N, C-alpha and C. Protein backbone atom coordinates (compact mmCIF):
# COMPACT_ATOMS: atom_id res chain seq x y z
N UNK A 1 -25.13 -19.13 -38.79
CA UNK A 1 -25.27 -17.75 -37.42
C UNK A 1 -25.52 -16.61 -37.70
N UNK A 2 -26.66 -16.05 -37.46
CA UNK A 2 -27.11 -14.68 -37.28
C UNK A 2 -25.83 -14.16 -36.36
N UNK A 3 -25.14 -12.94 -36.76
CA UNK A 3 -24.48 -12.39 -35.29
C UNK A 3 -24.38 -11.25 -34.76
N UNK A 4 -24.58 -10.46 -33.88
CA UNK A 4 -25.20 -9.57 -33.35
C UNK A 4 -23.82 -8.52 -33.96
N UNK A 5 -25.06 -7.09 -34.35
CA UNK A 5 -23.72 -6.09 -34.06
C UNK A 5 -23.94 -5.60 -32.78
N UNK A 6 -24.72 -5.37 -32.00
CA UNK A 6 -24.66 -4.39 -31.31
C UNK A 6 -23.51 -4.62 -30.30
N UNK A 7 -23.47 -3.45 -29.97
CA UNK A 7 -21.81 -3.17 -28.87
C UNK A 7 -21.64 -3.35 -27.73
N UNK A 8 -20.32 -4.30 -27.28
CA UNK A 8 -20.64 -4.28 -26.13
C UNK A 8 -20.77 -3.55 -24.82
N UNK A 9 -20.43 -3.69 -23.37
CA UNK A 9 -20.37 -3.05 -22.73
C UNK A 9 -18.66 -2.46 -22.28
N UNK A 10 -19.13 -1.28 -22.04
CA UNK A 10 -18.29 -0.77 -22.15
C UNK A 10 -16.85 -0.59 -21.03
N UNK A 11 -15.77 -1.28 -20.72
CA UNK A 11 -15.27 -1.68 -19.88
C UNK A 11 -14.15 -0.51 -19.43
N UNK A 12 -13.11 -1.15 -18.14
CA UNK A 12 -11.76 -0.46 -18.09
C UNK A 12 -11.60 0.93 -19.20
N UNK A 13 -10.98 0.32 -20.21
CA UNK A 13 -10.68 0.99 -20.96
C UNK A 13 -11.60 2.17 -21.95
N UNK A 14 -12.86 2.42 -21.38
CA UNK A 14 -13.73 3.43 -21.85
C UNK A 14 -13.94 4.19 -20.31
N UNK A 15 -13.84 3.23 -19.15
CA UNK A 15 -14.39 4.63 -18.09
C UNK A 15 -12.95 4.70 -17.67
N UNK A 16 -13.26 6.20 -16.62
CA UNK A 16 -12.36 6.89 -15.64
C UNK A 16 -12.55 6.55 -14.72
N UNK A 17 -11.56 6.27 -14.04
CA UNK A 17 -12.09 5.77 -12.71
C UNK A 17 -11.74 6.95 -11.63
N UNK A 18 -12.20 7.64 -10.68
CA UNK A 18 -12.25 8.45 -10.57
C UNK A 18 -11.30 8.42 -8.86
N UNK A 19 -9.67 9.34 -8.93
CA UNK A 19 -9.57 9.23 -7.52
C UNK A 19 -9.92 8.13 -6.72
N UNK A 20 -10.76 8.39 -6.05
CA UNK A 20 -11.11 8.07 -4.81
C UNK A 20 -10.77 6.22 -4.93
N UNK A 21 -11.62 5.99 -6.03
CA UNK A 21 -11.43 4.50 -6.56
C UNK A 21 -10.50 4.25 -6.84
N UNK A 22 -9.60 4.28 -7.25
CA UNK A 22 -7.78 4.12 -7.54
C UNK A 22 -7.49 4.32 -6.33
N UNK A 23 -7.94 4.69 -5.67
CA UNK A 23 -7.67 5.54 -3.80
C UNK A 23 -8.19 3.82 -3.10
N UNK A 24 -9.53 3.59 -3.06
CA UNK A 24 -10.19 2.22 -2.70
C UNK A 24 -9.53 1.17 -3.02
N UNK A 25 -9.33 0.93 -4.30
CA UNK A 25 -8.78 -0.21 -5.33
C UNK A 25 -7.37 -0.19 -4.11
N UNK A 26 -6.46 0.14 -4.32
CA UNK A 26 -5.31 -0.12 -3.78
C UNK A 26 -5.04 0.19 -2.80
N UNK A 27 -6.38 0.41 -1.43
CA UNK A 27 -6.23 0.38 0.32
C UNK A 27 -6.31 -1.26 0.17
N UNK A 28 -7.24 -1.89 -0.53
CA UNK A 28 -7.26 -3.41 -0.50
C UNK A 28 -6.09 -3.89 -1.27
N UNK A 29 -6.03 -3.87 -2.35
CA UNK A 29 -4.15 -4.00 -2.22
C UNK A 29 -3.20 -4.04 -1.18
N UNK A 30 -2.90 -2.72 -0.38
CA UNK A 30 -2.27 -3.14 0.38
C UNK A 30 -2.10 -3.31 1.85
N UNK A 31 -3.82 -4.24 1.58
CA UNK A 31 -4.15 -4.49 2.89
C UNK A 31 -3.30 -6.16 2.89
N UNK A 32 -3.73 -6.40 1.57
CA UNK A 32 -3.18 -8.20 1.20
C UNK A 32 -1.68 -7.64 1.11
N UNK A 33 -0.80 -6.91 0.80
CA UNK A 33 0.93 -6.78 0.79
C UNK A 33 0.90 -6.61 2.19
N UNK A 34 0.13 -6.05 3.72
CA UNK A 34 0.46 -6.04 4.49
C UNK A 34 0.44 -7.01 5.44
N UNK A 35 -0.29 -8.13 4.89
CA UNK A 35 -0.83 -9.23 5.31
C UNK A 35 0.07 -10.68 4.67
N UNK A 36 0.53 -9.77 3.38
CA UNK A 36 1.78 -11.04 3.10
C UNK A 36 2.86 -10.51 3.96
N UNK A 37 3.74 -9.63 3.98
CA UNK A 37 4.32 -8.73 4.87
C UNK A 37 4.18 -9.16 5.89
N UNK A 38 3.22 -9.50 6.95
CA UNK A 38 3.42 -9.75 8.44
C UNK A 38 3.83 -11.28 8.11
N UNK A 39 3.80 -11.74 7.21
CA UNK A 39 4.14 -13.67 7.02
C UNK A 39 5.58 -13.40 6.87
N UNK A 40 5.91 -12.61 6.00
CA UNK A 40 7.49 -12.65 5.63
C UNK A 40 8.08 -11.64 7.41
N UNK A 41 7.76 -11.08 8.15
CA UNK A 41 8.42 -11.10 9.65
C UNK A 41 8.19 -11.44 10.37
N UNK A 42 6.88 -12.80 10.24
CA UNK A 42 7.28 -13.70 11.36
C UNK A 42 8.32 -14.48 10.74
N UNK A 43 8.80 -15.17 9.63
CA UNK A 43 9.59 -15.59 8.99
C UNK A 43 10.78 -15.38 9.83
N UNK A 44 11.47 -13.64 9.36
CA UNK A 44 12.13 -13.39 10.05
C UNK A 44 12.29 -13.90 11.51
N UNK A 45 11.66 -14.00 11.62
CA UNK A 45 11.78 -13.86 13.40
C UNK A 45 12.67 -15.56 13.62
N UNK A 46 11.67 -16.20 12.72
CA UNK A 46 11.58 -17.65 13.06
C UNK A 46 13.67 -17.68 12.62
N UNK A 47 13.61 -16.89 11.39
CA UNK A 47 15.72 -17.03 11.22
C UNK A 47 16.05 -16.67 12.16
N UNK A 48 15.56 -15.88 13.41
CA UNK A 48 16.27 -14.66 13.80
C UNK A 48 17.03 -15.68 15.00
N UNK A 49 15.87 -16.73 15.62
CA UNK A 49 15.88 -18.01 16.34
C UNK A 49 16.22 -18.49 16.26
N UNK A 50 17.12 -18.77 15.18
CA UNK A 50 17.58 -19.83 14.75
C UNK A 50 19.07 -20.73 14.90
N UNK A 51 19.86 -19.05 15.47
CA UNK A 51 21.60 -18.06 15.86
C UNK A 51 22.11 -17.52 14.85
N UNK A 52 23.20 -17.78 15.32
CA UNK A 52 24.48 -16.32 14.26
C UNK A 52 24.44 -16.82 13.02
N UNK A 53 24.50 -18.10 12.92
CA UNK A 53 25.35 -18.22 11.36
C UNK A 53 23.37 -18.02 10.75
N UNK A 54 22.14 -18.40 11.16
CA UNK A 54 21.09 -17.64 10.20
C UNK A 54 21.05 -16.42 10.63
N UNK A 55 21.71 -15.85 11.60
CA UNK A 55 21.36 -14.32 11.20
C UNK A 55 22.40 -14.01 10.91
N UNK A 56 23.55 -14.12 10.58
CA UNK A 56 24.82 -13.34 9.65
C UNK A 56 24.11 -13.86 8.27
N UNK A 57 22.83 -15.32 7.14
CA UNK A 57 22.52 -15.20 6.42
C UNK A 57 21.48 -14.19 5.57
N UNK A 58 20.99 -14.24 7.13
CA UNK A 58 19.73 -13.00 7.14
C UNK A 58 20.37 -11.93 6.66
N UNK A 59 21.08 -11.04 7.70
CA UNK A 59 21.78 -9.96 7.00
C UNK A 59 22.30 -9.97 5.53
N UNK A 60 22.81 -10.65 5.13
CA UNK A 60 23.16 -10.75 3.39
C UNK A 60 21.85 -10.93 2.95
N UNK A 61 20.77 -11.83 3.06
CA UNK A 61 20.01 -11.27 2.43
C UNK A 61 18.92 -9.92 2.29
N UNK A 62 18.53 -9.55 3.31
CA UNK A 62 17.93 -8.54 4.03
C UNK A 62 18.55 -7.61 3.50
N UNK A 63 20.18 -7.09 2.60
CA UNK A 63 21.07 -6.28 1.90
C UNK A 63 20.47 -5.95 0.31
N UNK A 64 20.42 -6.97 -0.26
CA UNK A 64 20.40 -7.01 -0.86
C UNK A 64 19.18 -5.97 -1.87
N UNK A 65 19.07 -5.34 -2.84
CA UNK A 65 19.00 -4.27 -3.60
C UNK A 65 16.72 -5.08 -3.53
N UNK A 66 17.19 -5.83 -4.27
CA UNK A 66 15.26 -6.22 -4.17
C UNK A 66 14.95 -6.74 -2.88
N UNK A 67 15.30 -6.47 -1.77
CA UNK A 67 14.58 -7.30 -1.09
C UNK A 67 14.57 -5.74 -0.01
N UNK A 68 15.73 -5.01 -0.31
CA UNK A 68 15.17 -3.36 -0.02
C UNK A 68 13.91 -2.87 -0.31
N UNK A 69 13.46 -2.98 -1.73
CA UNK A 69 13.12 -2.48 -2.55
C UNK A 69 11.18 -3.08 -1.41
N UNK A 70 11.93 -4.13 -1.78
CA UNK A 70 10.66 -4.90 -0.81
C UNK A 70 9.91 -4.22 0.28
N UNK A 71 11.00 -4.23 1.36
CA UNK A 71 10.57 -3.50 2.68
C UNK A 71 10.59 -2.27 2.86
N UNK A 72 11.07 -1.59 1.53
CA UNK A 72 10.56 0.16 1.87
C UNK A 72 9.29 0.02 1.46
N UNK A 73 8.97 -0.99 0.43
CA UNK A 73 7.13 -0.83 -0.21
C UNK A 73 6.37 -1.34 0.85
N UNK A 74 6.83 -2.49 1.66
CA UNK A 74 6.40 -2.92 2.70
C UNK A 74 6.34 -1.74 3.48
N UNK A 75 6.69 -0.79 3.60
CA UNK A 75 6.49 0.58 4.69
C UNK A 75 5.97 2.02 4.23
N UNK A 76 6.31 1.81 2.88
CA UNK A 76 5.12 2.67 2.38
C UNK A 76 3.48 2.50 2.29
N UNK A 77 3.41 0.56 1.90
CA UNK A 77 1.88 -0.11 1.95
C UNK A 77 0.95 0.63 3.86
N UNK A 78 2.17 -0.16 4.38
CA UNK A 78 1.74 0.42 5.96
C UNK A 78 1.52 2.35 6.37
N UNK A 79 1.97 2.85 5.18
CA UNK A 79 1.30 4.20 5.84
C UNK A 79 0.50 4.65 5.11
N UNK A 80 0.42 3.43 3.60
CA UNK A 80 -1.22 4.67 2.48
C UNK A 80 -1.78 3.38 3.99
N UNK A 81 -2.23 3.23 4.01
CA UNK A 81 -2.77 1.61 4.49
C UNK A 81 -3.24 2.31 5.84
N UNK A 82 -2.93 2.85 6.75
CA UNK A 82 -2.33 4.29 7.75
C UNK A 82 -3.32 5.17 7.60
N UNK A 83 -3.57 6.02 6.57
CA UNK A 83 -3.49 7.65 6.11
C UNK A 83 -4.94 6.90 5.67
N UNK A 84 -5.40 6.08 4.88
CA UNK A 84 -6.78 5.61 4.53
C UNK A 84 -6.95 5.24 5.35
N UNK A 85 -6.80 4.81 6.44
CA UNK A 85 -7.83 4.52 7.78
C UNK A 85 -8.10 5.53 8.70
N UNK A 86 -7.10 6.67 8.76
CA UNK A 86 -7.49 7.47 9.53
C UNK A 86 -9.05 8.84 8.49
N UNK A 87 -9.04 8.00 6.79
CA UNK A 87 -9.75 9.01 6.00
C UNK A 87 -11.03 8.43 6.73
N UNK A 88 -11.39 6.78 6.49
CA UNK A 88 -12.22 6.45 7.00
C UNK A 88 -12.37 6.53 8.75
N UNK A 89 -12.17 6.94 9.10
CA UNK A 89 -12.79 7.49 10.59
C UNK A 89 -12.85 9.28 10.34
N UNK A 90 -12.32 9.62 9.73
CA UNK A 90 -13.24 11.28 9.52
C UNK A 90 -14.55 10.98 8.66
N UNK A 91 -14.67 9.95 7.69
CA UNK A 91 -16.01 9.39 6.81
C UNK A 91 -16.77 8.77 7.89
N UNK A 92 -16.26 8.17 8.70
CA UNK A 92 -17.13 7.68 10.08
C UNK A 92 -18.16 8.54 10.97
N UNK A 93 -17.17 10.17 10.72
CA UNK A 93 -17.63 10.84 11.34
C UNK A 93 -18.75 12.10 10.83
N UNK A 94 -19.66 11.12 9.42
CA UNK A 94 -19.89 12.19 8.95
C UNK A 94 -19.38 13.93 7.64
N UNK A 95 -18.16 12.95 8.13
CA UNK A 95 -17.10 14.26 7.76
C UNK A 95 -17.33 13.71 6.41
N UNK A 96 -16.77 15.21 5.02
CA UNK A 96 -15.66 14.71 3.68
C UNK A 96 -16.33 13.71 2.39
N UNK A 97 -17.63 14.22 2.59
CA UNK A 97 -18.75 13.12 1.29
C UNK A 97 -18.42 14.29 0.04
N UNK A 98 -18.19 15.54 0.36
CA UNK A 98 -18.45 16.55 -0.51
C UNK A 98 -17.62 15.28 -1.87
N UNK A 99 -17.63 15.77 -2.81
CA UNK A 99 -16.69 15.64 -4.01
C UNK A 99 -15.58 16.43 -4.00
N UNK A 100 -15.28 17.91 -3.73
CA UNK A 100 -14.37 18.39 -3.32
C UNK A 100 -13.66 17.81 -2.43
N UNK A 101 -14.02 17.86 -1.18
CA UNK A 101 -13.29 17.01 -0.02
C UNK A 101 -12.94 15.86 -0.12
N UNK A 102 -13.66 14.77 -0.98
CA UNK A 102 -12.64 13.22 -1.11
C UNK A 102 -11.94 13.26 -1.79
N UNK A 103 -12.15 14.72 -2.74
CA UNK A 103 -10.37 14.43 -3.42
C UNK A 103 -9.45 15.07 -2.68
N UNK A 104 -9.76 15.88 -2.27
CA UNK A 104 -8.12 17.13 -1.47
C UNK A 104 -8.28 16.13 -0.07
N UNK A 105 -9.02 15.08 0.14
CA UNK A 105 -8.71 14.01 1.47
C UNK A 105 -7.56 12.23 0.69
N UNK A 106 -8.53 12.93 -0.68
CA UNK A 106 -6.95 11.43 -1.39
C UNK A 106 -5.88 12.31 -2.05
N UNK A 107 -5.57 13.18 -1.85
CA UNK A 107 -4.31 13.79 -1.90
C UNK A 107 -3.72 13.52 -0.93
N UNK A 108 -4.02 14.49 -0.24
CA UNK A 108 -4.18 14.60 1.32
C UNK A 108 -3.14 13.19 1.63
N UNK A 109 -3.94 12.50 1.79
CA UNK A 109 -3.96 10.80 1.86
C UNK A 109 -2.61 9.97 0.90
N UNK A 110 -2.69 10.52 0.11
CA UNK A 110 -0.66 10.07 -0.55
C UNK A 110 0.11 10.68 -0.18
N UNK A 111 -0.06 12.61 -0.38
CA UNK A 111 1.56 13.00 0.05
C UNK A 111 1.72 12.90 1.22
N UNK A 112 1.05 12.60 2.29
CA UNK A 112 0.69 12.07 3.85
C UNK A 112 1.94 10.44 3.70
N UNK A 113 1.31 9.85 3.22
CA UNK A 113 2.06 8.42 3.82
C UNK A 113 3.31 8.20 2.58
N UNK A 114 3.65 9.39 1.50
CA UNK A 114 5.24 9.54 1.57
C UNK A 114 5.87 9.92 2.09
N UNK A 115 5.05 11.17 2.58
CA UNK A 115 6.23 12.11 3.46
C UNK A 115 6.39 10.74 4.53
N UNK A 116 5.55 9.90 4.54
CA UNK A 116 5.96 9.33 6.59
C UNK A 116 7.03 8.17 6.10
N UNK A 117 6.98 7.74 5.17
CA UNK A 117 7.55 6.61 4.79
C UNK A 117 9.54 7.60 4.49
N UNK A 118 9.60 8.79 3.99
CA UNK A 118 11.06 9.87 3.92
C UNK A 118 11.23 10.10 5.08
N UNK A 119 10.34 10.12 6.22
CA UNK A 119 10.62 10.14 7.84
C UNK A 119 11.42 8.94 8.05
N UNK A 120 11.00 8.04 7.94
CA UNK A 120 11.00 6.48 8.06
C UNK A 120 12.87 5.57 7.84
N UNK A 121 12.83 6.28 6.13
CA UNK A 121 13.96 5.95 5.29
C UNK A 121 14.54 6.98 6.08
N UNK A 122 14.99 8.32 6.65
CA UNK A 122 15.78 9.30 6.85
C UNK A 122 16.38 8.50 8.09
N UNK A 123 15.30 8.30 8.67
CA UNK A 123 15.79 7.74 10.06
C UNK A 123 17.09 6.60 9.91
N UNK A 124 16.53 5.87 9.10
CA UNK A 124 16.95 4.52 9.09
C UNK A 124 18.43 4.40 8.76
N UNK A 125 18.78 6.20 7.42
CA UNK A 125 20.00 5.90 6.88
C UNK A 125 21.23 6.95 8.04
N UNK A 126 20.69 7.40 8.81
CA UNK A 126 21.28 7.85 9.75
C UNK A 126 21.89 7.73 10.48
């Protein structure tokens, strides 16, 4: 059999995605995570409606470290998705399409989502 020695097409190991590409992919992933989080929130409401014993068990479960990490990840995903949506509104207005603007808005979006999550963390810890 005659083997070709032609190079294969470069893949993600060769190309470096721009920050806006990474942000776009992350926006899609957070959308999926938020959908799963809504199912989790509805499940929590169903458990709360089942009475005092179910509420006590839910409190114990929600205080577990892994569950706390998942809840804070959900909150961060919510704010990240919100900030990216605001960025899309700016794009819909016809602004922010220059390369420097796109990168600057991406960094602002990341910083804003961390700050908003921090505010919620401070609010719930106090």
